[in-house]
Each structure stands twice: as structure tokens, then as C-alpha cells.
């Protein structure tokens, strides 16, 4: 049975309750947010303060928020529960809603996730006052949806019907795409395993013919002809077209992917004509900075390190340093960055800054010394480990 707007809300079957009183059933007259999340999921963690605010704001209107930890990563249920409990104690001292734990049985994913075709987390479900599903979707949409659910106007609105129809259509489209991609991907990866680049390229070209706007097929195509086959006759036009399409889309994701093919440290660029490579890098970098300008509040840690690599290689050392410093600063910007993500990003950012400045740099207890001639992968280490 498909779980969608108007469906009776499934039961809540969990192994344990880590915070708040157990919820045995949905009480008539109340509205519930059932939020699937995990501690390793950056967007989930970033959404938790917002859920705290919603619970506080609408508690007198009958709102109850329920967080469901059904995807924790640990070898055993005991380890997952212990780790989750410690994480909540350390990170969520102001938590004001229930947290349920479901590890062994997977009942919550079977009852909620699979029937709604929710393929990732965070995933939000809103249960209306009569115990029926009012909304399935992104947590960030709750600000708009929740007041209308609370006043009883949401489920009868054209907006609600359009939202649910669009969600289901998107799921069906994704399923069709995955069915088309599966044999192509299988053939591609089998060829890659044998270093049979010609067969791999044939598979990818078939994929592009079917889905020309699929970024993964486009990147695989460029990567094969440029970095595996070193075929500049095919590679340069393919790379140029990827750059043009990325800029035309004004998509930071596409532009960063293209820039990585041109300046990513994992690739050998010695065979690539220098003039064409730097011209493409200049265009991509300028458009990325226009989309997310230095003076703006947008997060810089995703795109600026890649743009800094272009400027450093092109000889503009000061610009490269400036961009990495802005990326570091944005880790403490107005948009919260989960600690796990921050700790993952810091070593590479600090190492890049040390390399560009050619001097030791530190961020709190973490330091990095210049390693311009060291093997790839050298990263910053805690200051006390330095010798």
C-alpha cells in the first residue's frame, strides 16, 4: 500500500524511547511531525534546532514532534543506542521532543519509509488531527505546511494535492530512470574493472543518448576520455560542452564538478592543453563567485576550495589564500555547520592554506605546515602531534 496524503498514519513500533514519554498511539485532535533522522546525517542534524523551535512555537496548538533514529551506523544495537544516547546528551541539551530508537527490527522503515518511497533522510511526515497523513517531504517545507495543517486547511488545498502529486510523479520518474541506468551502469563498471576503456565509453555514450542531462553520465564521459584514454580529440569538445552547460544552467553543482575535472588534485593534467584548461577554469571560477559572492552570506566551504585551486595554479596566490580563508570563516557563519562535517573539512582547508601561504597555519588546536612537495593526501594534524 502506498503511503501518501490522506492515508491512515501507520503505527509507531520502535525498540526504545531515548527521550520523552513513549508514544503508544496518535491522539485525536493533535498534530504530529514524525521525523526520520540519524546523527551521521548533516542535514538531519542541521534541522534539529528548527524542530525544537517548531515544537516550542506550536505546542499550545497541539503539536508533538517525534524523532525516529532508525538508521544509526554501529555494529550492534547496544553500541548504536549507547552512541546515540551520548550524542543526544552532548549535542542536544535543549531537546524538547521525543526521540525513538529502532535498530534491529526495521519496523519504522517498513511501515513508513518504504510505503512512502522515501529513499533518504531527513524525511518528514505530518500526521493530521484525525490520524491521517497530511504531508510527506522535506523538513524545510514545514514552515509553510505546518500552520495550514494546524488550522485544518492544508489537506483540502490545491497546494497540498499538487505537492503530493508532484512528489509521487518524481518518485515514479526516479524509478524509471534507475531501471534504465541499471544495465548501463553494470556494463560500465564491469568494463572499468577490466580496464576496458573502450567498452566503458560505449556504455556511457549509450547513457548520455538516453539521458543527456544526467550529470553522472556526463562526468564519467569526460573522465574517461580525458583522464583514462587521454584522447584530446574527443576530450576537449566534451569538456568544453560540459563547461558551457554548467554555466548555462547556473548550477554550482555542475560547475564544481566540471572544475574538478580541470583542476582536481586527483587528476594528472599534464597532457591537457594549458591555454584551454585555464580559459575554462577562469570561466567556471568567475561564475561560481558570481553565484556565491565573497561579500554574501552563502556557505563558502563547498565551492571556494576548488576555485582557490584554479587561482593558485594560474599564479594568483593572494586570491587563492583569500578564498580559502573565506571558506574557513564560513564554517562559523550564520548557517550552522554540523560538527562532524566541520571536522571533516578542516584538515583539507588548513592544508591548502598552509600550502598557499607557504607557512604553518592553525585553527584552534589543529595546525598544518606547508606540504607542497609531499604525497597527495597529507592533511593537518592536531597541534600536539607536531614535532
Protein backbone atom coordinates (compact mmCIF):
# COMPACT_ATOMS: atom_id res chain seq x y z
CA UNK A 1 0.00 0.00 0.00
CA UNK A 2 1.33 3.44 -0.98
CA UNK A 3 1.62 5.89 1.91
CA UNK A 4 0.56 9.34 0.77
CA UNK A 5 -1.59 12.31 1.76
CA UNK A 6 -4.89 11.05 3.16
CA UNK A 7 -3.56 7.59 4.11
CA UNK A 8 -4.14 6.44 7.70
CA UNK A 9 -0.94 7.01 9.65
CA UNK A 10 0.93 3.74 10.34
CA UNK A 11 1.66 2.56 13.86
CA UNK A 12 4.73 3.66 15.79
CA UNK A 13 6.69 0.47 16.50
CA UNK A 14 10.13 1.11 17.98
CA UNK A 15 12.56 -0.72 20.21
CA UNK A 16 13.15 2.01 22.76
CA UNK A 17 12.47 5.62 23.70
CA UNK A 18 15.60 7.63 24.44
CA UNK A 19 13.93 10.96 25.17
CA UNK A 20 10.38 11.78 26.26
CA UNK A 21 7.47 9.54 27.20
CA UNK A 22 6.64 6.55 24.95
CA UNK A 23 4.01 7.24 22.31
CA UNK A 24 1.56 4.37 22.09
CA UNK A 25 -0.85 5.88 19.56
CA UNK A 26 -1.69 9.14 17.81
CA UNK A 27 -4.21 11.03 19.89
CA UNK A 28 -7.19 12.58 18.05
CA UNK A 29 -7.02 16.37 17.96
CA UNK A 30 -3.22 16.53 17.94
CA UNK A 31 -0.83 17.07 15.02
CA UNK A 32 2.40 15.10 14.85
CA UNK A 33 5.68 15.52 12.99
CA UNK A 34 7.40 12.16 12.55
CA UNK A 35 11.00 12.92 11.57
CA UNK A 36 13.40 10.19 10.42
CA UNK A 37 17.00 11.20 11.12
CA UNK A 38 20.48 9.99 12.12
CA UNK A 39 23.48 11.52 13.88
CA UNK A 40 25.73 10.94 10.82
CA UNK A 41 23.34 12.86 8.53
CA UNK A 42 24.44 16.52 8.29
CA UNK A 43 21.08 17.89 7.03
CA UNK A 44 19.28 15.93 9.77
CA UNK A 45 21.44 17.44 12.49
CA UNK A 46 21.12 20.92 10.97
CA UNK A 47 17.31 20.56 11.04
CA UNK A 48 17.09 19.66 14.74
CA UNK A 49 17.21 23.24 16.11
CA UNK A 50 14.39 24.09 13.70
CA UNK A 51 12.29 21.20 15.02
CA UNK A 52 12.96 22.40 18.58
CA UNK A 53 11.65 25.83 17.55
CA UNK A 54 8.55 24.36 15.89
CA UNK A 55 7.75 22.25 18.96
CA UNK A 56 8.05 25.30 21.21
CA UNK A 57 6.10 27.59 18.88
CA UNK A 58 3.15 25.26 18.29
CA UNK A 59 2.98 23.17 21.45
CA UNK A 60 -0.13 25.03 22.63
CA UNK A 61 -1.76 24.31 19.26
CA UNK A 62 -1.42 20.58 19.81
CA UNK A 63 1.86 19.81 18.03
CA UNK A 64 4.01 16.85 19.02
CA UNK A 65 7.38 16.24 17.33
CA UNK A 66 8.74 12.70 17.22
CA UNK A 67 12.29 11.99 16.08
CA UNK A 68 12.92 8.43 14.83
CA UNK A 69 16.52 7.19 14.82
CA UNK A 70 16.15 4.18 12.53
CA UNK A 71 19.40 4.43 10.56
CA UNK A 72 22.22 4.68 13.09
CA UNK A 73 25.52 3.11 11.99
CA UNK A 74 27.04 0.72 14.52
CA UNK A 75 27.97 -2.98 14.67
CA UNK A 76 25.30 -3.77 17.28
CA UNK A 77 22.07 -2.30 18.61
CA UNK A 78 23.68 -1.79 22.02
CA UNK A 79 26.54 0.23 20.53
CA UNK A 80 24.17 2.24 18.37
CA UNK A 81 21.91 3.04 21.31
CA UNK A 82 24.82 3.95 23.61
CA UNK A 83 26.41 6.17 21.00
CA UNK A 84 23.11 7.86 20.19
CA UNK A 85 22.31 8.48 23.85
CA UNK A 86 25.75 10.04 24.43
CA UNK A 87 25.38 12.18 21.29
CA UNK A 88 21.99 13.49 22.42
CA UNK A 89 23.37 14.30 25.88
CA UNK A 90 26.31 16.23 24.44
CA UNK A 91 24.69 17.97 21.48
CA UNK A 92 21.01 18.42 22.38
CA UNK A 93 20.71 19.69 25.94
CA UNK A 94 17.68 21.79 24.94
CA UNK A 95 15.81 19.00 23.15
CA UNK A 96 12.07 19.34 23.76
CA UNK A 97 10.62 16.44 21.77
CA UNK A 98 10.57 12.64 21.85
CA UNK A 99 13.34 10.52 20.34
CA UNK A 100 12.61 6.90 19.39
CA UNK A 101 15.21 4.25 18.57
CA UNK A 102 14.68 1.44 16.06
CA UNK A 103 17.69 -0.67 15.04
CA UNK A 104 17.08 -4.42 14.88
CA UNK A 105 13.55 -4.77 13.57
CA UNK A 106 13.46 -2.00 10.97
CA UNK A 107 9.73 -1.77 11.59
CA UNK A 108 9.58 2.02 11.22
CA UNK A 109 11.25 1.94 7.81
CA UNK A 110 8.93 -0.90 6.76
CA UNK A 111 5.82 0.90 7.97
CA UNK A 112 6.72 4.47 6.99
CA UNK A 113 9.77 4.76 4.73
CA UNK A 114 9.23 2.03 2.17
CA UNK A 115 5.47 2.57 1.54
CA UNK A 116 6.05 6.31 1.04
CA UNK A 117 9.04 5.67 -1.26
CA UNK A 118 11.21 7.84 0.99
CA UNK A 119 14.74 6.94 -0.09
CA UNK A 120 16.78 9.18 2.21
CA UNK A 121 16.87 11.17 5.40
CA UNK A 122 15.86 13.56 6.78
CA UNK A 123 12.29 12.61 5.91
CA UNK A 124 9.30 14.36 7.48
CA UNK A 125 5.77 13.07 7.88
CA UNK A 126 2.98 15.22 9.27
CA UNK A 127 0.01 13.41 10.85
CA UNK A 128 -3.21 15.43 10.91
CA UNK A 129 -5.62 15.76 13.82
CA UNK A 130 -7.71 12.85 12.53
CA UNK A 131 -4.74 10.44 12.38
CA UNK A 132 -4.18 10.65 8.62
CA UNK A 133 -1.05 11.61 6.69
CA UNK A 134 -1.16 15.29 5.75
CA UNK A 135 2.34 15.72 4.32
CA UNK A 136 5.40 13.70 3.28
CA UNK A 137 8.50 15.59 2.24
CA UNK A 138 11.41 17.84 3.11
CA UNK A 139 11.81 19.18 6.64
CA UNK A 140 12.48 22.66 5.22
CA UNK A 141 8.91 22.79 3.87
CA UNK A 142 7.37 22.51 7.34
CA UNK A 143 7.36 26.27 7.97
CA UNK A 144 4.87 26.70 5.15
CA UNK A 145 2.90 23.48 5.58
CA UNK A 146 2.54 23.17 9.35
CA UNK A 147 0.39 26.27 10.09
CA UNK A 148 -2.09 25.13 7.42
CA UNK A 149 -2.21 21.62 8.86
CA UNK A 150 -2.81 23.05 12.32
CA UNK A 151 -5.72 25.24 11.15
CA UNK A 152 -7.22 22.40 9.09
CA UNK A 153 -6.84 23.99 5.66
CA UNK A 154 -3.92 22.03 4.23
CA UNK A 155 -5.31 18.70 3.06
CA UNK A 156 -8.19 20.27 1.14
CA UNK A 157 -5.96 22.82 -0.60
CA UNK A 158 -4.86 22.73 -4.22
CA UNK A 159 -1.31 23.28 -2.99
CA UNK A 160 -1.39 20.08 -0.91
CA UNK A 161 -2.76 17.99 -3.75
CA UNK A 162 -0.21 19.45 -6.18
CA UNK A 163 2.63 18.83 -3.71
CA UNK A 164 1.69 15.18 -3.20
CA UNK A 165 1.09 14.57 -6.91
CA UNK A 166 4.46 16.12 -7.74
CA UNK A 167 6.21 14.01 -5.09
CA UNK A 168 4.73 10.76 -6.40
CA UNK A 169 5.47 11.72 -10.02
CA UNK A 170 9.08 12.49 -9.04
CA UNK A 171 9.39 9.10 -7.35
CA UNK A 172 7.97 7.30 -10.38
CA UNK A 173 10.31 9.21 -12.68
CA UNK A 174 13.29 8.29 -10.50
CA UNK A 175 12.28 4.63 -10.56
CA UNK A 176 12.09 4.68 -14.36
CA UNK A 177 15.50 6.35 -14.60
CA UNK A 178 17.04 3.82 -12.25
CA UNK A 179 15.63 0.96 -14.34
CA UNK A 180 17.18 2.48 -17.47
CA UNK A 181 20.52 3.16 -15.76
CA UNK A 182 20.96 -0.23 -14.14
CA UNK A 183 22.13 -2.27 -17.20
CA UNK A 184 24.25 0.64 -18.43
CA UNK A 185 25.97 1.03 -15.05
CA UNK A 186 26.51 -2.71 -14.77
CA UNK A 187 28.19 -2.81 -18.18
CA UNK A 188 30.24 0.30 -17.41
CA UNK A 189 31.58 -0.96 -14.06
CA UNK A 190 32.33 -4.40 -15.46
CA UNK A 191 34.42 -2.75 -18.19
CA UNK A 192 36.16 -0.44 -15.71
CA UNK A 193 37.10 -3.49 -13.62
CA UNK A 194 38.86 -4.92 -16.69
CA UNK A 195 40.39 -1.53 -17.66
CA UNK A 196 38.44 -1.87 -20.90
CA UNK A 197 38.00 1.84 -21.53
CA UNK A 198 36.51 1.41 -25.00
CA UNK A 199 33.62 -0.71 -23.73
CA UNK A 200 33.17 1.58 -20.72
CA UNK A 201 32.95 4.58 -23.05
CA UNK A 202 30.40 2.81 -25.24
CA UNK A 203 28.19 2.20 -22.19
CA UNK A 204 28.44 5.82 -21.06
CA UNK A 205 27.68 7.16 -24.54
CA UNK A 206 24.54 5.00 -24.54
CA UNK A 207 23.60 6.50 -21.18
CA UNK A 208 24.09 10.06 -22.44
CA UNK A 209 21.95 9.33 -25.51
CA UNK A 210 19.13 8.21 -23.20
CA UNK A 211 19.63 10.89 -20.50
CA UNK A 212 21.69 13.81 -21.82
CA UNK A 213 21.08 15.85 -18.67
CA UNK A 214 22.39 13.24 -16.26
CA UNK A 215 25.44 14.80 -14.59
CA UNK A 216 26.92 11.44 -13.60
CA UNK A 217 26.98 10.14 -17.18
CA UNK A 218 28.45 13.43 -18.39
CA UNK A 219 31.22 13.37 -15.78
CA UNK A 220 32.03 9.72 -16.46
CA UNK A 221 32.31 10.53 -20.16
CA UNK A 222 34.72 13.42 -19.63
CA UNK A 223 36.72 11.47 -17.06
CA UNK A 224 37.13 8.52 -19.39
CA UNK A 225 38.26 10.40 -22.47
CA UNK A 226 40.46 12.90 -20.62
CA UNK A 227 41.96 11.03 -17.69
CA UNK A 228 41.83 7.39 -18.75
CA UNK A 229 42.13 7.39 -22.55
CA UNK A 230 43.96 10.76 -22.86
CA UNK A 231 42.04 11.37 -26.07
CA UNK A 232 42.19 15.13 -26.57
CA UNK A 233 40.35 14.92 -29.89
CA UNK A 234 37.23 13.73 -28.07
CA UNK A 235 38.10 15.09 -24.65
CA UNK A 236 38.40 18.80 -25.41
CA UNK A 237 34.99 19.15 -27.11
CA UNK A 238 33.34 17.04 -24.38
CA UNK A 239 34.94 19.12 -21.63
CA UNK A 240 34.08 22.40 -23.37
CA UNK A 241 30.45 21.33 -23.72
CA UNK A 242 30.26 20.32 -20.06
CA UNK A 243 31.62 23.73 -19.04
CA UNK A 244 29.12 25.57 -21.28
CA UNK A 245 26.21 23.51 -19.99
CA UNK A 246 27.25 24.04 -16.37
CA UNK A 247 27.43 27.81 -16.85
CA UNK A 248 24.17 27.93 -18.82
CA UNK A 249 22.43 26.06 -16.01
CA UNK A 250 23.94 28.45 -13.46
CA UNK A 251 24.37 25.35 -11.30
CA UNK A 252 27.08 25.43 -8.65
CA UNK A 253 26.99 21.62 -8.51
CA UNK A 254 27.64 21.25 -12.26
CA UNK A 255 30.27 23.99 -12.27
CA UNK A 256 32.18 22.47 -9.34
CA UNK A 257 32.07 19.04 -10.98
CA UNK A 258 33.49 20.50 -14.19
CA UNK A 259 36.15 22.46 -12.31
CA UNK A 260 37.25 19.28 -10.55
CA UNK A 261 37.87 17.60 -13.91
CA UNK A 262 40.12 20.52 -14.83
CA UNK A 263 41.96 21.22 -11.56
CA UNK A 264 41.15 18.39 -9.15
CA UNK A 265 44.27 17.17 -7.32
CA UNK A 266 43.41 13.53 -8.05
CA UNK A 267 43.92 14.01 -11.80
CA UNK A 268 47.04 14.29 -13.92
CA UNK A 269 46.58 17.38 -16.10
CA UNK A 270 49.99 17.35 -17.79
CA UNK A 271 48.53 16.15 -21.11
CA UNK A 272 45.80 18.82 -21.19
CA UNK A 273 46.49 21.91 -23.35
CA UNK A 274 47.24 24.64 -20.84
CA UNK A 275 45.54 27.57 -22.61
CA UNK A 276 42.21 25.75 -22.98
CA UNK A 277 42.33 24.37 -19.44
CA UNK A 278 42.93 27.76 -17.81
CA UNK A 279 40.35 29.51 -20.02
CA UNK A 280 37.69 27.02 -18.95
CA UNK A 281 38.79 27.29 -15.31
CA UNK A 282 38.55 31.08 -15.44
CA UNK A 283 35.01 31.00 -16.79
CA UNK A 284 33.81 28.45 -14.23
CA UNK A 285 35.51 30.21 -11.30
CA UNK A 286 34.10 33.62 -12.17
CA UNK A 287 30.58 32.23 -12.49
CA UNK A 288 30.83 30.35 -9.19
CA UNK A 289 31.96 33.54 -7.42
CA UNK A 290 29.15 35.49 -9.06
CA UNK A 291 26.65 32.90 -7.86
CA UNK A 292 28.09 32.87 -4.33
CA UNK A 293 29.94 36.20 -3.96
CA UNK A 294 32.61 36.78 -1.29
CA UNK A 295 30.53 39.53 0.33
CA UNK A 296 27.42 37.33 0.50
CA UNK A 297 26.26 35.08 3.34
CA UNK A 298 26.21 31.84 1.33
CA UNK A 299 28.41 28.97 2.60
CA UNK A 300 31.86 29.13 1.04
CA UNK A 301 33.36 25.84 2.21
CA UNK A 302 31.83 23.78 -0.62
CA UNK A 303 32.92 25.76 -3.65
CA UNK A 304 35.73 28.12 -2.66
CA UNK A 305 38.49 25.49 -2.16
CA UNK A 306 38.03 24.32 -5.77
CA UNK A 307 38.06 27.88 -7.09
CA UNK A 308 41.15 28.60 -4.98
CA UNK A 309 42.97 25.72 -6.69
CA UNK A 310 42.34 27.36 -10.06
CA UNK A 311 43.65 30.74 -8.89
CA UNK A 312 46.71 29.19 -7.24
CA UNK A 313 47.65 27.26 -10.37
CA UNK A 314 47.06 30.32 -12.53
CA UNK A 315 49.55 32.28 -10.40
CA UNK A 316 47.17 34.39 -8.32
CA UNK A 317 48.41 33.26 -4.92
CA UNK A 318 46.79 36.08 -2.94
CA UNK A 319 43.36 35.34 -4.40
CA UNK A 320 43.73 31.64 -3.56
CA UNK A 321 44.64 32.48 0.05
CA UNK A 322 41.71 34.87 0.34
CA UNK A 323 39.22 32.27 -0.89
CA UNK A 324 40.42 29.54 1.47
CA UNK A 325 40.28 31.99 4.38
CA UNK A 326 36.69 32.83 3.45
CA UNK A 327 35.88 29.11 3.29
CA UNK A 328 37.29 28.67 6.80
CA UNK A 329 35.36 31.68 8.06
CA UNK A 330 32.12 30.32 6.64
CA UNK A 331 32.41 27.25 8.87
CA UNK A 332 31.47 29.59 11.73
CA UNK A 333 28.96 31.59 9.68
CA UNK A 334 25.25 32.24 10.24
CA UNK A 335 24.25 28.84 8.81
CA UNK A 336 25.13 26.10 11.34
CA UNK A 337 27.65 23.53 10.13
CA UNK A 338 27.38 20.14 11.89
CA UNK A 339 30.47 19.35 13.95
CA UNK A 340 31.07 16.11 12.04
CA UNK A 341 31.14 17.96 8.71
CA UNK A 342 33.30 20.74 10.14
CA UNK A 343 35.88 18.30 11.45
CA UNK A 344 35.89 16.53 8.10
CA UNK A 345 36.52 19.75 6.15
CA UNK A 346 39.04 21.47 8.41
CA UNK A 347 42.19 19.38 7.70
CA UNK A 348 42.00 19.88 3.93
CA UNK A 349 41.20 23.58 4.22
CA UNK A 350 44.08 24.18 6.62
CA UNK A 351 46.49 22.17 4.49
CA UNK A 352 45.53 24.17 1.39
CA UNK A 353 46.01 27.45 3.28
CA UNK A 354 49.43 26.36 4.60
CA UNK A 355 50.49 25.32 1.10
CA UNK A 356 49.35 28.58 -0.50
CA UNK A 357 50.89 30.80 2.22
CA UNK A 358 54.00 28.58 2.47
CA UNK A 359 53.89 28.81 6.24
CA UNK A 360 52.38 27.00 9.21
CA UNK A 361 48.75 27.86 9.96
CA UNK A 362 46.45 26.89 12.84
CA UNK A 363 42.74 26.80 13.59
CA UNK A 364 42.23 26.19 17.29
CA UNK A 365 44.22 23.07 18.20
CA UNK A 366 44.58 21.95 14.58
CA UNK A 367 47.69 23.03 12.64
CA UNK A 368 49.18 22.41 9.22
CA UNK A 369 52.63 23.01 7.77
CA UNK A 370 53.34 23.51 4.04
CA UNK A 371 53.46 20.19 2.20
CA UNK A 372 53.66 21.34 -1.40
CA UNK A 373 56.05 18.57 -2.39
CA UNK A 374 54.54 15.86 -0.20
CA UNK A 375 52.47 12.93 -1.44
CA UNK A 376 48.79 13.63 -2.06
CA UNK A 377 46.54 13.15 0.91
CA UNK A 378 48.73 14.79 3.59
CA UNK A 379 46.44 16.60 5.97
CA UNK A 380 46.59 18.81 9.01
CA UNK A 381 47.09 17.20 12.40
CA UNK A 382 46.32 18.25 15.98
CA UNK A 383 48.92 20.75 17.21
CA UNK A 384 50.14 18.46 19.98
CA UNK A 385 51.12 15.80 17.42
CA UNK A 386 53.60 18.13 15.69
CA UNK A 387 57.27 17.55 16.24
